[in-house]
C-alpha atoms as a PDB file:
ATOM      1  CA  UNK A   1     101.714 108.457  55.103  1.00  0.00           C
ATOM      2  CA  UNK A   2     100.988 110.249  57.896  1.00  0.00           C
ATOM      3  CA  UNK A   3     100.718 109.896  62.149  1.00  0.00           C
ATOM      4  CA  UNK A   4      97.314 110.994  63.252  1.00  0.00           C
ATOM      5  CA  UNK A   5      96.680 113.943  65.188  1.00  0.00           C
ATOM      6  CA  UNK A   6      97.566 114.130  68.811  1.00  0.00           C
ATOM      7  CA  UNK A   7      95.438 116.250  71.200  1.00  0.00           C
ATOM      8  CA  UNK A   8      96.714 116.966  74.611  1.00  0.00           C
ATOM      9  CA  UNK A   9      95.020 118.932  76.990  1.00  0.00           C
ATOM     10  CA  UNK A  10      96.733 119.644  80.290  1.00  0.00           C
ATOM     11  CA  UNK A  11      95.112 121.568  83.603  1.00  0.00           C
ATOM     12  CA  UNK A  12      98.428 122.491  85.616  1.00  0.00           C
ATOM     13  CA  UNK A  13      98.211 122.360  89.139  1.00  0.00           C
ATOM     14  CA  UNK A  14      98.934 125.372  91.841  1.00  0.00           C
ATOM     15  CA  UNK A  15     102.077 124.348  92.503  1.00  0.00           C
ATOM     16  CA  UNK A  16     102.935 124.915  88.786  1.00  0.00           C
ATOM     17  CA  UNK A  17     101.807 129.042  89.048  1.00  0.00           C
ATOM     18  CA  UNK A  18     104.995 131.413  88.013  1.00  0.00           C
ATOM     19  CA  UNK A  19     106.982 128.593  85.531  1.00  0.00           C
ATOM     20  CA  UNK A  20     106.713 129.165  81.999  1.00  0.00           C
ATOM     21  CA  UNK A  21     104.344 127.835  79.774  1.00  0.00           C
ATOM     22  CA  UNK A  22     107.137 125.812  77.499  1.00  0.00           C
ATOM     23  CA  UNK A  23     109.331 124.799  80.471  1.00  0.00           C
ATOM     24  CA  UNK A  24     105.894 123.500  82.277  1.00  0.00           C
ATOM     25  CA  UNK A  25     105.275 121.665  79.168  1.00  0.00           C
ATOM     26  CA  UNK A  26     108.420 120.102  78.335  1.00  0.00           C
ATOM     27  CA  UNK A  27     108.468 118.618  81.901  1.00  0.00           C
ATOM     28  CA  UNK A  28     104.924 117.057  81.053  1.00  0.00           C
ATOM     29  CA  UNK A  29     105.320 116.083  77.656  1.00  0.00           C
ATOM     30  CA  UNK A  30     108.039 113.740  78.075  1.00  0.00           C
ATOM     31  CA  UNK A  31     107.676 112.601  73.863  1.00  0.00           C
ATOM     32  CA  UNK A  32     107.858 115.705  72.904  1.00  0.00           C
ATOM     33  CA  UNK A  33     111.339 118.119  72.330  1.00  0.00           C
ATOM     34  CA  UNK A  34     111.615 121.460  73.849  1.00  0.00           C
ATOM     35  CA  UNK A  35     112.195 123.035  70.360  1.00  0.00           C
ATOM     36  CA  UNK A  36     109.109 121.552  68.967  1.00  0.00           C
ATOM     37  CA  UNK A  37     107.363 122.789  71.793  1.00  0.00           C
ATOM     38  CA  UNK A  38     108.530 126.310  70.796  1.00  0.00           C
ATOM     39  CA  UNK A  39     107.460 125.591  67.343  1.00  0.00           C
ATOM     40  CA  UNK A  40     104.126 124.533  68.227  1.00  0.00           C
ATOM     41  CA  UNK A  41     103.437 128.138  70.637  1.00  0.00           C
ATOM     42  CA  UNK A  42     104.761 130.123  67.654  1.00  0.00           C
ATOM     43  CA  UNK A  43     102.390 128.329  65.391  1.00  0.00           C
ATOM     44  CA  UNK A  44      99.568 128.780  67.729  1.00  0.00           C
ATOM     45  CA  UNK A  45      99.108 124.785  68.247  1.00  0.00           C
ATOM     46  CA  UNK A  46      98.879 125.721  71.811  1.00  0.00           C
ATOM     47  CA  UNK A  47      96.084 127.794  73.335  1.00  0.00           C
ATOM     48  CA  UNK A  48      95.448 128.434  77.071  1.00  0.00           C
ATOM     49  CA  UNK A  49      91.240 128.442  77.954  1.00  0.00           C
ATOM     50  CA  UNK A  50      91.563 129.404  74.143  1.00  0.00           C
ATOM     51  CA  UNK A  51      94.196 131.960  74.103  1.00  0.00           C
ATOM     52  CA  UNK A  52      97.286 132.012  71.907  1.00  0.00           C
ATOM     53  CA  UNK A  53     100.109 132.124  74.012  1.00  0.00           C
ATOM     54  CA  UNK A  54     103.579 132.935  74.032  1.00  0.00           C
ATOM     55  CA  UNK A  55     106.490 130.707  75.105  1.00  0.00           C
ATOM     56  CA  UNK A  56     107.102 133.262  78.143  1.00  0.00           C
ATOM     57  CA  UNK A  57     103.931 133.139  79.041  1.00  0.00           C
ATOM     58  CA  UNK A  58     103.574 132.396  83.090  1.00  0.00           C
ATOM     59  CA  UNK A  59     101.790 128.962  84.695  1.00  0.00           C
ATOM     60  CA  UNK A  60      98.668 130.405  86.594  1.00  0.00           C
ATOM     61  CA  UNK A  61      97.443 127.156  87.530  1.00  0.00           C
ATOM     62  CA  UNK A  62      94.036 125.157  87.246  1.00  0.00           C
ATOM     63  CA  UNK A  63      93.583 126.646  83.578  1.00  0.00           C
ATOM     64  CA  UNK A  64      93.129 124.132  80.217  1.00  0.00           C
ATOM     65  CA  UNK A  65      96.052 124.123  78.310  1.00  0.00           C
ATOM     66  CA  UNK A  66      95.454 122.136  75.133  1.00  0.00           C
ATOM     67  CA  UNK A  67      98.274 120.972  72.953  1.00  0.00           C
ATOM     68  CA  UNK A  68      97.282 120.130  68.993  1.00  0.00           C
ATOM     69  CA  UNK A  69     100.473 118.040  67.849  1.00  0.00           C
ATOM     70  CA  UNK A  70      99.772 117.955  63.662  1.00  0.00           C
ATOM     71  CA  UNK A  71     100.223 115.223  61.875  1.00  0.00           C
ATOM     72  CA  UNK A  72     103.511 114.491  60.559  1.00  0.00           C
ATOM     73  CA  UNK A  73     104.485 113.636  57.128  1.00  0.00           C
ATOM     74  CA  UNK A  74     106.063 109.845  57.034  1.00  0.00           C
ATOM     75  CA  UNK A  75     107.759 108.613  54.214  1.00  0.00           C
ATOM     76  CA  UNK A  76     107.024 105.299  52.796  1.00  0.00           C
ATOM     77  CA  UNK A  77     108.829 102.911  53.853  1.00  0.00           C
ATOM     78  CA  UNK A  78     110.383 100.495  51.346  1.00  0.00           C
ATOM     79  CA  UNK A  79     112.038  97.265  51.072  1.00  0.00           C
ATOM     80  CA  UNK A  80     115.421  97.199  50.095  1.00  0.00           C
ATOM     81  CA  UNK A  81     117.776  94.586  48.525  1.00  0.00           C
ATOM     82  CA  UNK A  82     120.559  95.006  51.064  1.00  0.00           C
ATOM     83  CA  UNK A  83     122.537  91.856  52.421  1.00  0.00           C
ATOM     84  CA  UNK A  84     121.536  90.513  55.497  1.00  0.00           C
ATOM     85  CA  UNK A  85     123.920  87.747  57.984  1.00  0.00           C
ATOM     86  CA  UNK A  86     120.972  85.094  58.693  1.00  0.00           C
ATOM     87  CA  UNK A  87     122.303  82.913  61.700  1.00  0.00           C
ATOM     88  CA  UNK A  88     119.061  81.121  61.984  1.00  0.00           C
ATOM     89  CA  UNK A  89     115.422  81.326  59.476  1.00  0.00           C
ATOM     90  CA  UNK A  90     112.190  79.577  60.068  1.00  0.00           C
ATOM     91  CA  UNK A  91     108.385  80.100  59.612  1.00  0.00           C
ATOM     92  CA  UNK A  92     108.101  82.585  62.846  1.00  0.00           C
ATOM     93  CA  UNK A  93     110.906  83.672  63.793  1.00  0.00           C
ATOM     94  CA  UNK A  94     114.665  85.088  61.419  1.00  0.00           C
ATOM     95  CA  UNK A  95     117.535  86.006  63.373  1.00  0.00           C
ATOM     96  CA  UNK A  96     120.757  88.170  61.722  1.00  0.00           C
ATOM     97  CA  UNK A  97     124.022  89.398  63.143  1.00  0.00           C
ATOM     98  CA  UNK A  98     123.363  93.172  62.439  1.00  0.00           C
ATOM     99  CA  UNK A  99     126.638  95.182  61.582  1.00  0.00           C
ATOM    100  CA  UNK A 100     128.338  98.207  63.467  1.00  0.00           C
ATOM    101  CA  UNK A 101     126.594 101.409  62.073  1.00  0.00           C
ATOM    102  CA  UNK A 102     122.930 100.109  60.829  1.00  0.00           C
ATOM    103  CA  UNK A 103     119.681 101.369  62.535  1.00  0.00           C
ATOM    104  CA  UNK A 104     117.174  98.361  63.055  1.00  0.00           C
ATOM    105  CA  UNK A 105     114.508 100.928  62.150  1.00  0.00           C
ATOM    106  CA  UNK A 106     113.609 103.661  60.204  1.00  0.00           C
ATOM    107  CA  UNK A 107     113.377 106.964  62.030  1.00  0.00           C
ATOM    108  CA  UNK A 108     113.976 110.900  61.908  1.00  0.00           C
ATOM    109  CA  UNK A 109     116.690 110.554  59.202  1.00  0.00           C
ATOM    110  CA  UNK A 110     116.794 107.300  58.789  1.00  0.00           C
ATOM    111  CA  UNK A 111     114.910 106.340  56.669  1.00  0.00           C
ATOM    112  CA  UNK A 112     116.438 104.400  54.346  1.00  0.00           C
ATOM    113  CA  UNK A 113     119.268 101.354  54.824  1.00  0.00           C
ATOM    114  CA  UNK A 114     117.922  99.972  58.137  1.00  0.00           C
ATOM    115  CA  UNK A 115     117.594  96.560  59.174  1.00  0.00           C
ATOM    116  CA  UNK A 116     113.671  96.641  58.139  1.00  0.00           C
ATOM    117  CA  UNK A 117     114.301  97.660  54.746  1.00  0.00           C
ATOM    118  CA  UNK A 118     115.893  94.977  54.616  1.00  0.00           C
ATOM    119  CA  UNK A 119     113.988  92.540  55.963  1.00  0.00           C
ATOM    120  CA  UNK A 120     110.765  94.140  54.128  1.00  0.00           C
ATOM    121  CA  UNK A 121     112.546  92.595  50.843  1.00  0.00           C
ATOM    122  CA  UNK A 122     113.684  88.904  52.552  1.00  0.00           C
ATOM    123  CA  UNK A 123     110.939  88.137  54.005  1.00  0.00           C
ATOM    124  CA  UNK A 124     108.156  90.233  51.676  1.00  0.00           C
ATOM    125  CA  UNK A 125     105.017  90.690  53.387  1.00  0.00           C
ATOM    126  CA  UNK A 126     105.741  87.553  55.926  1.00  0.00           C
ATOM    127  CA  UNK A 127     106.404  90.403  58.922  1.00  0.00           C
ATOM    128  CA  UNK A 128     104.540  90.950  62.431  1.00  0.00           C
ATOM    129  CA  UNK A 129     102.416  93.895  62.026  1.00  0.00           C
ATOM    130  CA  UNK A 130     102.283  94.524  65.587  1.00  0.00           C
ATOM    131  CA  UNK A 131     104.980  97.794  65.923  1.00  0.00           C
ATOM    132  CA  UNK A 132     103.067  99.593  63.080  1.00  0.00           C
ATOM    133  CA  UNK A 133     104.089 100.133  59.491  1.00  0.00           C
ATOM    134  CA  UNK A 134     107.979 101.878  60.711  1.00  0.00           C
ATOM    135  CA  UNK A 135     109.070  98.511  62.634  1.00  0.00           C
ATOM    136  CA  UNK A 136     107.279  95.489  61.277  1.00  0.00           C
ATOM    137  CA  UNK A 137     108.376  92.280  62.399  1.00  0.00           C
ATOM    138  CA  UNK A 138     110.815  94.110  65.604  1.00  0.00           C
ATOM    139  CA  UNK A 139     110.438  92.838  68.962  1.00  0.00           C
ATOM    140  CA  UNK A 140     113.791  94.742  70.512  1.00  0.00           C
ATOM    141  CA  UNK A 141     116.777  97.062  68.573  1.00  0.00           C
ATOM    142  CA  UNK A 142     120.230  97.187  69.733  1.00  0.00           C
ATOM    143  CA  UNK A 143     121.759 100.384  69.454  1.00  0.00           C
ATOM    144  CA  UNK A 144     123.371 101.930  65.642  1.00  0.00           C
ATOM    145  CA  UNK A 145     126.929 101.338  66.023  1.00  0.00           C
ATOM    146  CA  UNK A 146     126.373  98.185  68.434  1.00  0.00           C
ATOM    147  CA  UNK A 147     126.748  95.476  66.741  1.00  0.00           C
ATOM    148  CA  UNK A 148     125.626  91.360  67.783  1.00  0.00           C
ATOM    149  CA  UNK A 149     122.300  89.183  66.981  1.00  0.00           C
ATOM    150  CA  UNK A 150     119.047  90.132  67.336  1.00  0.00           C
ATOM    151  CA  UNK A 151     115.265  88.785  66.402  1.00  0.00           C
ATOM    152  CA  UNK A 152     112.271  89.414  63.845  1.00  0.00           C
ATOM    153  CA  UNK A 153     109.249  88.086  63.334  1.00  0.00           C
ATOM    154  CA  UNK A 154     107.301  87.052  60.873  1.00  0.00           C
ATOM    155  CA  UNK A 155     103.766  87.204  62.599  1.00  0.00           C
ATOM    156  CA  UNK A 156     101.759  87.883  64.826  1.00  0.00           C
ATOM    157  CA  UNK A 157     101.328  85.245  66.953  1.00  0.00           C
ATOM    158  CA  UNK A 158     105.396  84.538  67.631  1.00  0.00           C
ATOM    159  CA  UNK A 159     105.574  88.658  68.306  1.00  0.00           C
ATOM    160  CA  UNK A 160     103.195  88.408  70.920  1.00  0.00           C
ATOM    161  CA  UNK A 161     105.070  85.460  72.656  1.00  0.00           C
ATOM    162  CA  UNK A 162     109.025  86.631  72.360  1.00  0.00           C
ATOM    163  CA  UNK A 163     107.592  90.150  73.209  1.00  0.00           C
ATOM    164  CA  UNK A 164     106.274  88.459  76.549  1.00  0.00           C
ATOM    165  CA  UNK A 165     109.430  86.638  77.448  1.00  0.00           C
ATOM    166  CA  UNK A 166     111.084  89.672  77.182  1.00  0.00           C
ATOM    167  CA  UNK A 167     108.606  91.601  79.561  1.00  0.00           C
ATOM    168  CA  UNK A 168     109.280  89.341  82.090  1.00  0.00           C
ATOM    169  CA  UNK A 169     112.915  89.039  81.692  1.00  0.00           C
ATOM    170  CA  UNK A 170     113.317  85.437  80.567  1.00  0.00           C
ATOM    171  CA  UNK A 171     115.191  86.017  77.753  1.00  0.00           C
ATOM    172  CA  UNK A 172     118.826  85.394  78.014  1.00  0.00           C
ATOM    173  CA  UNK A 173     121.074  88.165  76.378  1.00  0.00           C
ATOM    174  CA  UNK A 174     124.405  88.445  76.671  1.00  0.00           C
ATOM    175  CA  UNK A 175     126.562  90.888  75.393  1.00  0.00           C
ATOM    176  CA  UNK A 176     129.988  91.750  75.211  1.00  0.00           C
ATOM    177  CA  UNK A 177     132.325  95.262  75.627  1.00  0.00           C
ATOM    178  CA  UNK A 178     135.717  96.539  76.408  1.00  0.00           C
ATOM    179  CA  UNK A 179     135.674  99.287  78.685  1.00  0.00           C
ATOM    180  CA  UNK A 180     137.663 101.685  80.449  1.00  0.00           C
ATOM    181  CA  UNK A 181     140.143 100.974  83.132  1.00  0.00           C
ATOM    182  CA  UNK A 182     140.767  97.407  85.148  1.00  0.00           C
ATOM    183  CA  UNK A 183     138.296  96.055  87.470  1.00  0.00           C
ATOM    184  CA  UNK A 184     139.659  94.461  90.852  1.00  0.00           C
ATOM    185  CA  UNK A 185     136.589  91.883  91.343  1.00  0.00           C
ATOM    186  CA  UNK A 186     135.916  89.147  88.425  1.00  0.00           C
ATOM    187  CA  UNK A 187     132.266  89.791  88.582  1.00  0.00           C
ATOM    188  CA  UNK A 188     129.708  92.077  89.736  1.00  0.00           C
ATOM    189  CA  UNK A 189     126.116  93.467  89.535  1.00  0.00           C
ATOM    190  CA  UNK A 190     124.650  97.023  88.809  1.00  0.00           C
ATOM    191  CA  UNK A 191     121.275  97.374  90.486  1.00  0.00           C
ATOM    192  CA  UNK A 192     120.340 101.247  89.590  1.00  0.00           C
ATOM    193  CA  UNK A 193     117.691 102.818  87.770  1.00  0.00           C
ATOM    194  CA  UNK A 194     117.282 104.340  84.465  1.00  0.00           C
ATOM    195  CA  UNK A 195     115.363 107.286  82.940  1.00  0.00           C
ATOM    196  CA  UNK A 196     115.523 110.283  81.013  1.00  0.00           C
ATOM    197  CA  UNK A 197     118.758 112.466  81.587  1.00  0.00           C
ATOM    198  CA  UNK A 198     116.364 115.897  82.738  1.00  0.00           C
ATOM    199  CA  UNK A 199     119.517 118.106  81.440  1.00  0.00           C
ATOM    200  CA  UNK A 200     119.066 116.058  77.469  1.00  0.00           C
ATOM    201  CA  UNK A 201     116.175 113.395  77.084  1.00  0.00           C
ATOM    202  CA  UNK A 202     117.651 112.173  74.573  1.00  0.00           C
ATOM    203  CA  UNK A 203     120.123 110.768  76.739  1.00  0.00           C
ATOM    204  CA  UNK A 204     119.907 108.273  79.560  1.00  0.00           C
ATOM    205  CA  UNK A 205     121.499 108.959  83.089  1.00  0.00           C
ATOM    206  CA  UNK A 206     121.258 106.792  86.205  1.00  0.00           C
ATOM    207  CA  UNK A 207     118.047 107.828  87.920  1.00  0.00           C
ATOM    208  CA  UNK A 208     116.948 106.831  91.779  1.00  0.00           C
ATOM    209  CA  UNK A 209     114.451 109.185  91.977  1.00  0.00           C
ATOM    210  CA  UNK A 210     112.472 108.951  88.747  1.00  0.00           C
ATOM    211  CA  UNK A 211     114.063 106.123  86.843  1.00  0.00           C
ATOM    212  CA  UNK A 212     113.441 102.435  85.687  1.00  0.00           C
ATOM    213  CA  UNK A 213     114.387  99.127  87.433  1.00  0.00           C
ATOM    214  CA  UNK A 214     117.783  97.956  85.718  1.00  0.00           C
ATOM    215  CA  UNK A 215     119.903  95.058  86.642  1.00  0.00           C
ATOM    216  CA  UNK A 216     122.957  94.320  84.805  1.00  0.00           C
ATOM    217  CA  UNK A 217     125.502  91.414  85.099  1.00  0.00           C
ATOM    218  CA  UNK A 218     129.371  91.535  84.738  1.00  0.00           C
ATOM    219  CA  UNK A 219     132.070  89.318  84.627  1.00  0.00           C
ATOM    220  CA  UNK A 220     135.447  90.178  83.552  1.00  0.00           C
ATOM    221  CA  UNK A 221     137.100  88.017  80.985  1.00  0.00           C
ATOM    222  CA  UNK A 222     140.421  89.765  80.964  1.00  0.00           C
ATOM    223  CA  UNK A 223     142.155  92.462  82.409  1.00  0.00           C
ATOM    224  CA  UNK A 224     144.543  94.439  80.407  1.00  0.00           C
ATOM    225  CA  UNK A 225     146.628  97.791  80.836  1.00  0.00           C
ATOM    226  CA  UNK A 226     144.240 100.472  81.332  1.00  0.00           C
ATOM    227  CA  UNK A 227     140.909  98.210  79.476  1.00  0.00           C
ATOM    228  CA  UNK A 228     138.503  95.353  80.530  1.00  0.00           C
ATOM    229  CA  UNK A 229     136.945  92.623  77.974  1.00  0.00           C
ATOM    230  CA  UNK A 230     133.032  92.028  80.237  1.00  0.00           C
ATOM    231  CA  UNK A 231     130.754  89.678  79.228  1.00  0.00           C
ATOM    232  CA  UNK A 232     127.408  91.930  80.233  1.00  0.00           C
ATOM    233  CA  UNK A 233     124.252  89.950  80.987  1.00  0.00           C
ATOM    234  CA  UNK A 234     120.768  91.723  81.333  1.00  0.00           C
ATOM    235  CA  UNK A 235     118.018  91.364  83.899  1.00  0.00           C
ATOM    236  CA  UNK A 236     116.124  94.486  82.349  1.00  0.00           C
ATOM    237  CA  UNK A 237     116.624  95.844  79.031  1.00  0.00           C
ATOM    238  CA  UNK A 238     116.546  99.549  79.266  1.00  0.00           C
ATOM    239  CA  UNK A 239     117.431 101.689  76.913  1.00  0.00           C
ATOM    240  CA  UNK A 240     121.148 101.836  76.415  1.00  0.00           C
ATOM    241  CA  UNK A 241     121.581 100.152  79.600  1.00  0.00           C
ATOM    242  CA  UNK A 242     125.007  98.338  79.636  1.00  0.00           C
ATOM    243  CA  UNK A 243     126.309 102.090  78.254  1.00  0.00           C
ATOM    244  CA  UNK A 244     125.218 104.262  81.199  1.00  0.00           C
ATOM    245  CA  UNK A 245     125.238 101.251  83.746  1.00  0.00           C
ATOM    246  CA  UNK A 246     129.244 100.556  82.882  1.00  0.00           C
ATOM    247  CA  UNK A 247     130.420 104.377  82.689  1.00  0.00           C
ATOM    248  CA  UNK A 248     127.890 105.389  86.360  1.00  0.00           C
ATOM    249  CA  UNK A 249     130.694 102.673  87.955  1.00  0.00           C
ATOM    250  CA  UNK A 250     133.872 104.033  86.277  1.00  0.00           C
ATOM    251  CA  UNK A 251     134.098 101.739  82.991  1.00  0.00           C
ATOM    252  CA  UNK A 252     132.724 103.496  80.801  1.00  0.00           C
ATOM    253  CA  UNK A 253     132.594 101.563  76.963  1.00  0.00           C
ATOM    254  CA  UNK A 254     135.763 102.244  74.765  1.00  0.00           C
ATOM    255  CA  UNK A 255     134.533 104.384  72.228  1.00  0.00           C
ATOM    256  CA  UNK A 256     131.211 105.438  73.379  1.00  0.00           C
ATOM    257  CA  UNK A 257     130.739 109.085  72.010  1.00  0.00           C
ATOM    258  CA  UNK A 258     127.754 109.520  74.398  1.00  0.00           C
ATOM    259  CA  UNK A 259     128.827 108.244  77.795  1.00  0.00           C
ATOM    260  CA  UNK A 260     132.191 108.479  78.117  1.00  0.00           C
ATOM    261  CA  UNK A 261     134.834 111.194  77.874  1.00  0.00           C
ATOM    262  CA  UNK A 262     137.812 109.549  77.883  1.00  0.00           C
ATOM    263  CA  UNK A 263     140.090 110.030  74.606  1.00  0.00           C
ATOM    264  CA  UNK A 264     141.559 107.047  72.798  1.00  0.00           C
ATOM    265  CA  UNK A 265     143.802 106.734  69.842  1.00  0.00           C
ATOM    266  CA  UNK A 266     141.656 103.931  67.988  1.00  0.00           C
ATOM    267  CA  UNK A 267     139.509 105.328  65.898  1.00  0.00           C
ATOM    268  CA  UNK A 268     136.565 103.600  66.537  1.00  0.00           C
ATOM    269  CA  UNK A 269     133.105 104.102  65.342  1.00  0.00           C
ATOM    270  CA  UNK A 270     131.084 104.330  68.346  1.00  0.00           C
ATOM    271  CA  UNK A 271     131.006 101.884  71.167  1.00  0.00           C
ATOM    272  CA  UNK A 272     132.197  98.485  71.785  1.00  0.00           C
ATOM    273  CA  UNK A 273     129.856  96.386  72.296  1.00  0.00           C
ATOM    274  CA  UNK A 274     128.393  93.288  70.729  1.00  0.00           C
ATOM    275  CA  UNK A 275     125.488  91.497  71.663  1.00  0.00           C
ATOM    276  CA  UNK A 276     126.696  87.873  71.232  1.00  0.00           C
ATOM    277  CA  UNK A 277     124.074  85.139  72.943  1.00  0.00           C
ATOM    278  CA  UNK A 278     120.298  85.564  72.519  1.00  0.00           C
ATOM    279  CA  UNK A 279     117.771  82.935  73.890  1.00  0.00           C
ATOM    280  CA  UNK A 280     114.552  82.458  74.137  1.00  0.00           C
ATOM    281  CA  UNK A 281     111.722  79.583  74.110  1.00  0.00           C
ATOM    282  CA  UNK A 282     110.749  79.230  70.665  1.00  0.00           C
ATOM    283  CA  UNK A 283     106.959  80.486  70.277  1.00  0.00           C
ATOM    284  CA  UNK A 284     106.123  77.527  68.118  1.00  0.00           C
ATOM    285  CA  UNK A 285     107.502  74.107  69.746  1.00  0.00           C
ATOM    286  CA  UNK A 286     108.644  75.083  73.330  1.00  0.00           C
ATOM    287  CA  UNK A 287     111.711  74.489  72.995  1.00  0.00           C
ATOM    288  CA  UNK A 288     114.273  76.952  74.729  1.00  0.00           C
ATOM    289  CA  UNK A 289     116.551  78.082  71.698  1.00  0.00           C
ATOM    290  CA  UNK A 290     120.115  79.671  71.611  1.00  0.00           C
ATOM    291  CA  UNK A 291     121.862  82.077  69.152  1.00  0.00           C
ATOM    292  CA  UNK A 292     125.351  83.073  69.088  1.00  0.00           C
ATOM    293  CA  UNK A 293     126.897  86.041  67.004  1.00  0.00           C
ATOM    294  CA  UNK A 294     131.097  85.568  66.430  1.00  0.00           C
ATOM    295  CA  UNK A 295     132.671  88.823  67.991  1.00  0.00           C
ATOM    296  CA  UNK A 296     133.206  91.105  64.962  1.00  0.00           C
ATOM    297  CA  UNK A 297     137.076  91.796  63.108  1.00  0.00           C
ATOM    298  CA  UNK A 298     137.165  94.524  64.660  1.00  0.00           C
ATOM    299  CA  UNK A 299     136.746  94.038  68.343  1.00  0.00           C
ATOM    300  CA  UNK A 300     139.029  91.107  67.966  1.00  0.00           C
ATOM    301  CA  UNK A 301     142.022  93.067  66.544  1.00  0.00           C
ATOM    302  CA  UNK A 302     141.279  95.175  69.708  1.00  0.00           C
ATOM    303  CA  UNK A 303     141.744  92.409  71.836  1.00  0.00           C
ATOM    304  CA  UNK A 304     144.394  91.398  69.957  1.00  0.00           C
ATOM    305  CA  UNK A 305     146.318  94.440  69.987  1.00  0.00           C
ATOM    306  CA  UNK A 306     145.698  95.082  74.356  1.00  0.00           C
ATOM    307  CA  UNK A 307     147.215  91.041  74.541  1.00  0.00           C
ATOM    308  CA  UNK A 308     149.698  91.227  73.025  1.00  0.00           C
ATOM    309  CA  UNK A 309     150.938  94.554  74.369  1.00  0.00           C
ATOM    310  CA  UNK A 310     150.178  93.028  77.957  1.00  0.00           C
END
């Protein structure tokens, strides 16, 4: 299958005069990488007033820039008989305990072995279709190396209902993590907007000028010599929120190979972050339900090691 062609017409302001077109477009087209823009320019898919230009073209201001993004070939997403650790299931929803290293939905480089592939096999045709063929049933996600509970929806009514609860931040989401350094306080709140890192748009960062509202409440469960065990409750749900917020206050998550620059000798596979609790109003019964996923074995062993060394 293919994604549809995207056409964009941009008209630079006079203030943009003198900027290179590749730099200008990378700022205006946030969903397209700098390297992809370069290829579009090389292939003649970007024109200025009908003329093909090179990446070093300087903006005059007021010209018409037409950007055509060709169709991307997307592999057919197939059901796969992958075992799922099911926490709860009924006619509307299914909750699973996602293991470390498993991607939630297909994307570039991960078109097989995902939660979606497994759900398509387990649920057959009973998944909501609102998020399209790449994300059937998926209302929210957690990162590949984050473990824990996620919910998928079996019909569009359930999907819309839970999506609305996510939008108004009424869903209970508690995460558990091990972070670097001890805390002097027992609890706290990080209220700092999060947006794309201007130096690397694949990453997120605290951005007080252009970021989106993001709030994380944390509670210290145990302090160790060089680490702390926390419960974090999300008030909002931005990409990489807990990882970015903890790093921003000097407590990056242990094992985080993106936002933590401190060395550790534990040979971990990514961040020690676990989605432990998920609670919401059931889309059919109207009753509040709360689901838990126990800490993974590797996480418990780390905690036991810290306790024994204390």
